[in-house]
N, C-alpha and C. Protein backbone atom coordinates (compact mmCIF):
# COMPACT_ATOMS: atom_id res chain seq x y z
N MET A 1 99.37 -59.47 -7.76
CA MET A 1 99.70 -59.97 -6.44
C MET A 1 98.51 -59.75 -5.51
N THR A 2 98.34 -60.69 -4.63
CA THR A 2 97.24 -60.60 -3.68
C THR A 2 97.72 -59.95 -2.38
N THR A 3 96.78 -59.63 -1.53
CA THR A 3 97.12 -59.09 -0.22
C THR A 3 97.98 -60.08 0.55
N THR A 4 97.67 -61.36 0.43
CA THR A 4 98.45 -62.40 1.09
C THR A 4 99.90 -62.38 0.61
N ASP A 5 100.10 -62.19 -0.70
CA ASP A 5 101.46 -62.14 -1.24
C ASP A 5 102.24 -60.96 -0.64
N TYR A 6 101.59 -59.81 -0.54
CA TYR A 6 102.24 -58.64 0.06
C TYR A 6 102.59 -58.91 1.52
N LEU A 7 101.66 -59.52 2.25
CA LEU A 7 101.89 -59.82 3.66
C LEU A 7 103.02 -60.82 3.85
N LEU A 8 103.10 -61.82 2.99
CA LEU A 8 104.18 -62.81 3.08
C LEU A 8 105.54 -62.15 2.83
N ASN A 9 105.61 -61.28 1.82
CA ASN A 9 106.86 -60.57 1.55
C ASN A 9 107.23 -59.66 2.71
N ALA A 10 106.26 -58.97 3.26
CA ALA A 10 106.53 -58.11 4.41
C ALA A 10 107.01 -58.93 5.61
N ALA A 11 106.43 -60.09 5.82
CA ALA A 11 106.84 -60.95 6.93
C ALA A 11 108.28 -61.45 6.73
N LEU A 12 108.67 -61.75 5.50
CA LEU A 12 110.05 -62.17 5.24
C LEU A 12 111.03 -61.04 5.54
N ILE A 13 110.68 -59.84 5.15
CA ILE A 13 111.56 -58.70 5.45
C ILE A 13 111.60 -58.46 6.96
N PHE A 14 110.45 -58.54 7.60
CA PHE A 14 110.36 -58.34 9.04
C PHE A 14 111.21 -59.35 9.80
N ALA A 15 111.27 -60.58 9.30
CA ALA A 15 112.03 -61.64 9.98
C ALA A 15 113.49 -61.27 10.16
N VAL A 16 114.07 -60.60 9.18
CA VAL A 16 115.47 -60.21 9.30
C VAL A 16 115.62 -58.84 9.94
N VAL A 17 114.75 -57.91 9.60
CA VAL A 17 114.86 -56.57 10.16
C VAL A 17 114.75 -56.61 11.69
N ARG A 18 113.92 -57.51 12.20
CA ARG A 18 113.79 -57.60 13.66
C ARG A 18 115.05 -58.14 14.30
N GLN A 19 115.93 -58.75 13.50
CA GLN A 19 117.20 -59.24 14.05
C GLN A 19 118.26 -58.14 14.08
N LEU A 20 117.96 -56.97 13.59
CA LEU A 20 118.94 -55.88 13.63
C LEU A 20 119.32 -55.52 15.07
N ARG A 21 118.43 -55.76 15.99
CA ARG A 21 118.69 -55.47 17.41
C ARG A 21 119.22 -56.69 18.14
N GLY A 22 119.24 -57.83 17.52
CA GLY A 22 119.71 -59.05 18.15
C GLY A 22 118.56 -59.85 18.73
N ARG A 23 118.48 -61.09 18.36
CA ARG A 23 117.41 -61.99 18.82
C ARG A 23 118.01 -63.35 19.13
N ARG A 24 117.38 -64.02 20.06
CA ARG A 24 117.75 -65.40 20.34
C ARG A 24 117.54 -66.21 19.08
N LEU A 25 118.49 -67.05 18.78
CA LEU A 25 118.43 -67.81 17.54
C LEU A 25 117.66 -69.11 17.76
N ALA A 26 116.35 -68.98 17.86
CA ALA A 26 115.46 -70.12 18.07
C ALA A 26 114.04 -69.67 17.78
N GLY A 27 113.14 -70.62 17.76
CA GLY A 27 111.72 -70.30 17.62
C GLY A 27 111.39 -69.51 16.37
N LEU A 28 110.69 -68.43 16.58
CA LEU A 28 110.17 -67.61 15.49
C LEU A 28 111.27 -67.11 14.56
N SER A 29 112.43 -66.79 15.11
CA SER A 29 113.53 -66.30 14.29
C SER A 29 113.93 -67.29 13.21
N LEU A 30 113.86 -68.55 13.52
CA LEU A 30 114.24 -69.59 12.56
C LEU A 30 113.04 -70.12 11.77
N TRP A 31 111.93 -70.33 12.44
CA TRP A 31 110.82 -71.04 11.82
C TRP A 31 109.92 -70.18 10.94
N LEU A 32 109.78 -68.90 11.24
CA LEU A 32 108.89 -68.05 10.45
C LEU A 32 109.29 -68.00 8.98
N PRO A 33 110.55 -67.68 8.65
CA PRO A 33 110.92 -67.66 7.22
C PRO A 33 110.77 -69.02 6.55
N LEU A 34 111.10 -70.08 7.25
CA LEU A 34 110.95 -71.43 6.67
C LEU A 34 109.48 -71.75 6.42
N GLY A 35 108.63 -71.39 7.34
CA GLY A 35 107.19 -71.62 7.17
C GLY A 35 106.62 -70.84 6.01
N ILE A 36 107.08 -69.60 5.85
CA ILE A 36 106.58 -68.77 4.75
C ILE A 36 106.97 -69.37 3.41
N VAL A 37 108.25 -69.74 3.24
CA VAL A 37 108.65 -70.27 1.92
C VAL A 37 108.06 -71.66 1.68
N ALA A 38 107.82 -72.42 2.73
CA ALA A 38 107.16 -73.71 2.55
C ALA A 38 105.74 -73.50 2.03
N TYR A 39 105.04 -72.52 2.59
CA TYR A 39 103.69 -72.20 2.14
C TYR A 39 103.72 -71.72 0.68
N VAL A 40 104.65 -70.82 0.37
CA VAL A 40 104.75 -70.28 -0.99
C VAL A 40 105.07 -71.41 -1.98
N ALA A 41 105.99 -72.29 -1.62
CA ALA A 41 106.35 -73.40 -2.51
C ALA A 41 105.14 -74.32 -2.73
N ALA A 42 104.42 -74.63 -1.66
CA ALA A 42 103.25 -75.51 -1.80
C ALA A 42 102.14 -74.85 -2.61
N THR A 43 102.04 -73.53 -2.52
CA THR A 43 100.98 -72.79 -3.21
C THR A 43 101.30 -72.55 -4.69
N TYR A 44 102.54 -72.18 -4.99
CA TYR A 44 102.88 -71.72 -6.34
C TYR A 44 103.75 -72.66 -7.16
N LEU A 45 104.50 -73.53 -6.51
CA LEU A 45 105.43 -74.39 -7.25
C LEU A 45 104.77 -75.72 -7.59
N HIS A 46 104.06 -75.72 -8.72
CA HIS A 46 103.34 -76.92 -9.14
C HIS A 46 104.21 -77.85 -9.97
N SER A 47 105.22 -77.29 -10.62
CA SER A 47 106.15 -78.10 -11.39
C SER A 47 107.42 -77.29 -11.61
N VAL A 48 108.46 -78.01 -12.01
CA VAL A 48 109.72 -77.38 -12.38
C VAL A 48 109.97 -77.79 -13.83
N PRO A 49 109.49 -76.96 -14.77
CA PRO A 49 109.64 -77.33 -16.17
C PRO A 49 111.10 -77.35 -16.60
N THR A 50 111.41 -78.25 -17.52
CA THR A 50 112.81 -78.41 -17.96
C THR A 50 112.97 -78.30 -19.47
N HIS A 51 111.93 -77.93 -20.20
CA HIS A 51 112.07 -77.84 -21.65
C HIS A 51 112.61 -76.46 -22.04
N GLY A 52 113.16 -76.37 -23.23
CA GLY A 52 113.73 -75.11 -23.70
C GLY A 52 114.85 -74.67 -22.77
N ASN A 53 114.83 -73.42 -22.39
CA ASN A 53 115.83 -72.88 -21.47
C ASN A 53 115.29 -72.73 -20.05
N ASP A 54 114.18 -73.38 -19.76
CA ASP A 54 113.56 -73.27 -18.44
C ASP A 54 114.51 -73.65 -17.32
N LEU A 55 115.21 -74.76 -17.50
CA LEU A 55 116.09 -75.26 -16.44
C LEU A 55 117.23 -74.27 -16.16
N VAL A 56 117.72 -73.61 -17.18
CA VAL A 56 118.79 -72.62 -16.99
C VAL A 56 118.27 -71.47 -16.12
N LEU A 57 117.08 -70.99 -16.41
CA LEU A 57 116.48 -69.91 -15.62
C LEU A 57 116.26 -70.36 -14.18
N GLU A 58 115.75 -71.55 -14.00
CA GLU A 58 115.47 -72.07 -12.66
C GLU A 58 116.76 -72.28 -11.86
N LEU A 59 117.79 -72.80 -12.51
CA LEU A 59 119.07 -72.98 -11.82
C LEU A 59 119.69 -71.62 -11.48
N GLY A 60 119.48 -70.63 -12.34
CA GLY A 60 119.95 -69.28 -12.05
C GLY A 60 119.27 -68.71 -10.82
N GLY A 61 117.96 -68.89 -10.72
CA GLY A 61 117.22 -68.44 -9.55
C GLY A 61 117.69 -69.16 -8.29
N LEU A 62 117.91 -70.46 -8.41
CA LEU A 62 118.39 -71.26 -7.29
C LEU A 62 119.77 -70.79 -6.85
N ALA A 63 120.67 -70.56 -7.80
CA ALA A 63 122.04 -70.11 -7.49
C ALA A 63 122.03 -68.73 -6.84
N LEU A 64 121.21 -67.84 -7.36
CA LEU A 64 121.11 -66.50 -6.79
C LEU A 64 120.58 -66.56 -5.36
N GLY A 65 119.56 -67.38 -5.14
CA GLY A 65 119.02 -67.54 -3.79
C GLY A 65 120.04 -68.12 -2.82
N LEU A 66 120.79 -69.14 -3.26
CA LEU A 66 121.83 -69.72 -2.42
C LEU A 66 122.89 -68.68 -2.07
N THR A 67 123.30 -67.92 -3.06
CA THR A 67 124.33 -66.90 -2.84
C THR A 67 123.86 -65.85 -1.84
N LEU A 68 122.66 -65.32 -2.05
CA LEU A 68 122.13 -64.30 -1.14
C LEU A 68 121.93 -64.86 0.27
N GLY A 69 121.41 -66.08 0.37
CA GLY A 69 121.16 -66.69 1.68
C GLY A 69 122.44 -66.96 2.45
N ILE A 70 123.43 -67.52 1.77
CA ILE A 70 124.70 -67.81 2.44
C ILE A 70 125.38 -66.52 2.88
N LEU A 71 125.41 -65.53 2.00
CA LEU A 71 126.02 -64.25 2.37
C LEU A 71 125.27 -63.59 3.53
N CYS A 72 123.96 -63.65 3.49
CA CYS A 72 123.15 -63.08 4.57
C CYS A 72 123.48 -63.78 5.89
N GLY A 73 123.59 -65.10 5.85
CA GLY A 73 123.94 -65.85 7.06
C GLY A 73 125.34 -65.54 7.57
N LEU A 74 126.28 -65.34 6.64
CA LEU A 74 127.66 -65.04 7.04
C LEU A 74 127.81 -63.62 7.57
N TYR A 75 126.99 -62.70 7.07
CA TYR A 75 127.06 -61.31 7.52
C TYR A 75 126.16 -61.03 8.73
N THR A 76 125.56 -62.06 9.27
CA THR A 76 124.79 -61.94 10.51
C THR A 76 125.71 -62.32 11.65
N LEU A 77 125.78 -61.49 12.66
CA LEU A 77 126.61 -61.78 13.82
C LEU A 77 125.92 -62.83 14.67
N VAL A 78 126.66 -63.87 15.05
CA VAL A 78 126.13 -64.92 15.91
C VAL A 78 127.05 -64.98 17.13
N TYR A 79 126.48 -64.82 18.32
CA TYR A 79 127.28 -64.73 19.53
C TYR A 79 126.47 -65.27 20.70
N PRO A 80 127.16 -65.68 21.77
CA PRO A 80 126.43 -66.18 22.94
C PRO A 80 126.03 -65.04 23.86
N ASP A 81 124.88 -65.19 24.51
CA ASP A 81 124.51 -64.22 25.54
C ASP A 81 125.23 -64.62 26.83
N HIS A 82 124.90 -63.99 27.93
CA HIS A 82 125.59 -64.27 29.20
C HIS A 82 125.38 -65.70 29.69
N ASN A 83 124.36 -66.38 29.20
CA ASN A 83 124.11 -67.79 29.57
C ASN A 83 124.62 -68.76 28.52
N GLY A 84 125.26 -68.26 27.48
CA GLY A 84 125.77 -69.13 26.42
C GLY A 84 124.76 -69.46 25.34
N VAL A 85 123.56 -68.86 25.41
CA VAL A 85 122.53 -69.09 24.41
C VAL A 85 122.86 -68.30 23.15
N PRO A 86 122.86 -68.94 21.98
CA PRO A 86 123.21 -68.22 20.75
C PRO A 86 122.19 -67.13 20.40
N PHE A 87 122.72 -65.98 20.07
CA PHE A 87 121.95 -64.84 19.60
C PHE A 87 122.42 -64.50 18.20
N ALA A 88 121.53 -63.91 17.42
CA ALA A 88 121.90 -63.45 16.08
C ALA A 88 121.53 -61.99 15.95
N ARG A 89 122.43 -61.22 15.35
CA ARG A 89 122.14 -59.82 15.08
C ARG A 89 122.53 -59.55 13.64
N ALA A 90 121.52 -59.24 12.84
CA ALA A 90 121.75 -58.97 11.43
C ALA A 90 122.50 -57.64 11.30
N THR A 91 123.52 -57.64 10.47
CA THR A 91 124.22 -56.40 10.17
C THR A 91 123.45 -55.69 9.06
N GLY A 92 123.83 -54.47 8.78
CA GLY A 92 123.21 -53.73 7.68
C GLY A 92 123.39 -54.46 6.35
N ILE A 93 124.55 -55.07 6.18
CA ILE A 93 124.82 -55.82 4.93
C ILE A 93 123.87 -57.01 4.82
N ALA A 94 123.72 -57.75 5.93
CA ALA A 94 122.84 -58.93 5.92
C ALA A 94 121.40 -58.50 5.61
N ALA A 95 120.93 -57.46 6.28
CA ALA A 95 119.57 -56.99 6.03
C ALA A 95 119.42 -56.49 4.60
N GLY A 96 120.43 -55.79 4.11
CA GLY A 96 120.39 -55.29 2.73
C GLY A 96 120.32 -56.41 1.71
N LEU A 97 121.12 -57.47 1.92
CA LEU A 97 121.09 -58.61 1.01
C LEU A 97 119.72 -59.30 1.04
N TRP A 98 119.18 -59.43 2.24
CA TRP A 98 117.86 -60.07 2.39
C TRP A 98 116.79 -59.26 1.68
N ILE A 99 116.80 -57.96 1.90
CA ILE A 99 115.82 -57.08 1.28
C ILE A 99 116.01 -57.03 -0.23
N LEU A 100 117.26 -57.13 -0.68
CA LEU A 100 117.54 -57.19 -2.12
C LEU A 100 116.86 -58.41 -2.74
N GLY A 101 116.98 -59.57 -2.11
CA GLY A 101 116.36 -60.78 -2.64
C GLY A 101 114.85 -60.70 -2.66
N VAL A 102 114.27 -60.31 -1.52
CA VAL A 102 112.81 -60.19 -1.44
C VAL A 102 112.33 -59.09 -2.38
N GLY A 103 113.03 -57.97 -2.40
CA GLY A 103 112.65 -56.84 -3.24
C GLY A 103 112.73 -57.15 -4.72
N ALA A 104 113.74 -57.93 -5.12
CA ALA A 104 113.86 -58.31 -6.53
C ALA A 104 112.67 -59.15 -6.97
N ARG A 105 112.30 -60.12 -6.15
CA ARG A 105 111.14 -60.96 -6.49
C ARG A 105 109.86 -60.13 -6.50
N LEU A 106 109.70 -59.29 -5.52
CA LEU A 106 108.51 -58.43 -5.44
C LEU A 106 108.47 -57.47 -6.62
N GLY A 107 109.60 -56.87 -6.94
CA GLY A 107 109.68 -55.94 -8.07
C GLY A 107 109.34 -56.61 -9.38
N PHE A 108 109.84 -57.82 -9.59
CA PHE A 108 109.53 -58.55 -10.81
C PHE A 108 108.04 -58.83 -10.91
N ALA A 109 107.44 -59.26 -9.80
CA ALA A 109 106.01 -59.56 -9.81
C ALA A 109 105.19 -58.31 -10.10
N LEU A 110 105.57 -57.20 -9.49
CA LEU A 110 104.85 -55.95 -9.75
C LEU A 110 105.03 -55.50 -11.20
N TYR A 111 106.23 -55.62 -11.72
CA TYR A 111 106.49 -55.26 -13.11
C TYR A 111 105.64 -56.13 -14.05
N ALA A 112 105.61 -57.42 -13.77
CA ALA A 112 104.85 -58.34 -14.62
C ALA A 112 103.36 -58.01 -14.62
N GLN A 113 102.83 -57.60 -13.48
CA GLN A 113 101.40 -57.32 -13.36
C GLN A 113 101.00 -55.91 -13.80
N HIS A 114 101.95 -55.01 -13.83
CA HIS A 114 101.60 -53.61 -14.11
C HIS A 114 102.31 -53.09 -15.36
N GLY A 115 102.14 -53.82 -16.44
CA GLY A 115 102.62 -53.33 -17.73
C GLY A 115 103.79 -54.08 -18.33
N GLY A 116 104.51 -54.84 -17.53
CA GLY A 116 105.68 -55.55 -18.04
C GLY A 116 105.40 -56.92 -18.60
N GLY A 117 104.18 -57.40 -18.43
CA GLY A 117 103.82 -58.74 -18.89
C GLY A 117 104.11 -58.99 -20.36
N PRO A 118 103.72 -58.08 -21.26
CA PRO A 118 104.01 -58.31 -22.68
C PRO A 118 105.51 -58.38 -22.98
N ALA A 119 106.30 -57.54 -22.32
CA ALA A 119 107.75 -57.56 -22.53
C ALA A 119 108.34 -58.88 -22.02
N ILE A 120 107.87 -59.34 -20.88
CA ILE A 120 108.34 -60.62 -20.34
C ILE A 120 107.92 -61.75 -21.28
N GLY A 121 106.71 -61.66 -21.83
CA GLY A 121 106.24 -62.67 -22.79
C GLY A 121 107.10 -62.71 -24.03
N ARG A 122 107.46 -61.54 -24.57
CA ARG A 122 108.32 -61.49 -25.76
C ARG A 122 109.71 -62.05 -25.45
N PHE A 123 110.25 -61.65 -24.31
CA PHE A 123 111.56 -62.15 -23.89
C PHE A 123 111.52 -63.67 -23.74
N SER A 124 110.46 -64.15 -23.11
CA SER A 124 110.31 -65.59 -22.88
C SER A 124 110.21 -66.35 -24.20
N ALA A 125 109.44 -65.83 -25.14
CA ALA A 125 109.31 -66.48 -26.45
C ALA A 125 110.65 -66.49 -27.19
N ALA A 126 111.37 -65.39 -27.14
CA ALA A 126 112.66 -65.29 -27.83
C ALA A 126 113.71 -66.19 -27.22
N HIS A 127 113.57 -66.52 -25.93
CA HIS A 127 114.58 -67.32 -25.24
C HIS A 127 114.07 -68.69 -24.80
N ALA A 128 112.98 -69.13 -25.37
CA ALA A 128 112.41 -70.46 -25.11
C ALA A 128 112.19 -70.70 -23.61
N LEU A 129 111.47 -69.76 -22.98
CA LEU A 129 111.15 -69.87 -21.56
C LEU A 129 109.63 -69.94 -21.39
N SER A 130 109.19 -70.82 -20.52
CA SER A 130 107.76 -70.89 -20.24
C SER A 130 107.44 -69.97 -19.06
N MET A 131 106.18 -69.59 -18.94
CA MET A 131 105.77 -68.74 -17.83
C MET A 131 105.93 -69.47 -16.49
N GLN A 132 105.67 -70.78 -16.49
CA GLN A 132 105.83 -71.55 -15.26
C GLN A 132 107.29 -71.57 -14.81
N ALA A 133 108.25 -71.45 -15.75
CA ALA A 133 109.67 -71.43 -15.39
C ALA A 133 109.99 -70.18 -14.58
N TRP A 134 109.36 -69.04 -14.91
CA TRP A 134 109.57 -67.82 -14.13
C TRP A 134 109.09 -68.02 -12.70
N VAL A 135 107.92 -68.62 -12.56
CA VAL A 135 107.38 -68.88 -11.23
C VAL A 135 108.31 -69.80 -10.46
N ALA A 136 108.72 -70.89 -11.11
CA ALA A 136 109.61 -71.85 -10.46
C ALA A 136 110.93 -71.19 -10.07
N ALA A 137 111.49 -70.38 -10.95
CA ALA A 137 112.78 -69.72 -10.67
C ALA A 137 112.66 -68.80 -9.46
N LEU A 138 111.59 -68.04 -9.38
CA LEU A 138 111.41 -67.10 -8.26
C LEU A 138 111.14 -67.83 -6.95
N VAL A 139 110.35 -68.89 -7.01
CA VAL A 139 110.07 -69.66 -5.79
C VAL A 139 111.32 -70.40 -5.34
N LEU A 140 112.06 -71.00 -6.28
CA LEU A 140 113.30 -71.69 -5.92
C LEU A 140 114.32 -70.71 -5.36
N MET A 141 114.35 -69.50 -5.89
CA MET A 141 115.24 -68.48 -5.36
C MET A 141 114.91 -68.18 -3.90
N ALA A 142 113.63 -67.97 -3.60
CA ALA A 142 113.20 -67.68 -2.23
C ALA A 142 113.49 -68.86 -1.31
N LEU A 143 113.17 -70.05 -1.77
CA LEU A 143 113.40 -71.26 -0.98
C LEU A 143 114.88 -71.44 -0.67
N ALA A 144 115.73 -71.29 -1.68
CA ALA A 144 117.17 -71.44 -1.49
C ALA A 144 117.72 -70.36 -0.56
N GLU A 145 117.22 -69.14 -0.71
CA GLU A 145 117.70 -68.04 0.13
C GLU A 145 117.39 -68.29 1.60
N VAL A 146 116.17 -68.67 1.88
CA VAL A 146 115.76 -68.89 3.28
C VAL A 146 116.43 -70.12 3.87
N VAL A 147 116.43 -71.22 3.13
CA VAL A 147 117.01 -72.45 3.68
C VAL A 147 118.52 -72.31 3.88
N SER A 148 119.22 -71.68 2.93
CA SER A 148 120.67 -71.53 3.08
C SER A 148 121.00 -70.57 4.22
N ARG A 149 120.27 -69.48 4.35
CA ARG A 149 120.52 -68.55 5.47
C ARG A 149 120.28 -69.24 6.80
N THR A 150 119.16 -69.94 6.90
CA THR A 150 118.84 -70.64 8.14
C THR A 150 119.89 -71.69 8.46
N SER A 151 120.33 -72.43 7.45
CA SER A 151 121.35 -73.47 7.66
C SER A 151 122.66 -72.87 8.16
N VAL A 152 123.09 -71.77 7.56
CA VAL A 152 124.32 -71.10 8.00
C VAL A 152 124.18 -70.63 9.44
N LEU A 153 123.05 -70.04 9.77
CA LEU A 153 122.84 -69.55 11.14
C LEU A 153 122.79 -70.69 12.15
N VAL A 154 122.15 -71.79 11.80
CA VAL A 154 122.09 -72.94 12.71
C VAL A 154 123.48 -73.52 12.93
N LEU A 155 124.25 -73.67 11.87
CA LEU A 155 125.62 -74.20 12.00
C LEU A 155 126.48 -73.27 12.86
N ARG A 156 126.37 -71.98 12.61
CA ARG A 156 127.15 -71.01 13.39
C ARG A 156 126.70 -70.98 14.84
N SER A 157 125.39 -71.12 15.09
CA SER A 157 124.90 -71.10 16.47
C SER A 157 125.35 -72.34 17.23
N ARG A 158 125.45 -73.45 16.56
CA ARG A 158 125.93 -74.68 17.22
C ARG A 158 127.40 -74.53 17.62
N ARG A 159 128.17 -73.90 16.77
CA ARG A 159 129.59 -73.65 17.11
C ARG A 159 129.69 -72.72 18.31
N VAL A 160 128.87 -71.70 18.33
CA VAL A 160 128.87 -70.74 19.44
C VAL A 160 128.45 -71.45 20.72
N ALA A 161 127.41 -72.26 20.66
CA ALA A 161 126.93 -72.97 21.85
C ALA A 161 127.99 -73.96 22.34
N ALA A 162 128.65 -74.65 21.43
CA ALA A 162 129.69 -75.62 21.81
C ALA A 162 130.88 -74.90 22.44
N ALA A 163 131.25 -73.77 21.89
CA ALA A 163 132.36 -73.00 22.44
C ALA A 163 132.02 -72.45 23.82
N ALA A 164 130.76 -72.12 24.04
CA ALA A 164 130.34 -71.55 25.33
C ALA A 164 130.37 -72.59 26.44
N ILE A 165 130.20 -73.88 26.13
CA ILE A 165 130.19 -74.88 27.19
C ILE A 165 131.56 -75.54 27.39
N MET A 166 132.49 -75.29 26.46
CA MET A 166 133.84 -75.84 26.60
C MET A 166 134.61 -74.99 27.59
N PRO A 167 135.29 -75.66 28.55
CA PRO A 167 136.09 -74.87 29.50
C PRO A 167 137.29 -74.26 28.78
N SER A 168 137.61 -73.04 29.16
CA SER A 168 138.77 -72.39 28.54
C SER A 168 140.04 -72.87 29.23
N SER A 169 141.09 -73.01 28.46
CA SER A 169 142.34 -73.55 28.99
C SER A 169 143.23 -72.47 29.52
């Protein structure tokens, strides 16, 4: 892993940890994670191989990312401030799920680079997996996690904003 990779992972964790105190749900809160995964996808996702069991691994990564992202979005509190502007405050569960996803990808990369490469190679050969499938699975996991979390938060913030402008009966 490069210094840039470490910084990108730290920025993803920072994006949610900074919401532990509550942040306006706009601007950097929404765009930073999306920008990071877009950069990672453009940099590392050159193809999505489908031979052997590659597609199964990639769909597993995608499903795991969707699950973590949706749960993270649902466990984030979304509420209006005194002006009706949507705010988001990550709960401990939401931050934990986010860190679990980022940490799992980071841990796998560190394991692969620091002694685990041969074991991953043997596992891949035994299960008909290409090395590019691992990359695709991890990038798709990150992409799905960020996009699904952001989508849940945007949908919830729109409901909060709509409820704030509706007169109470």
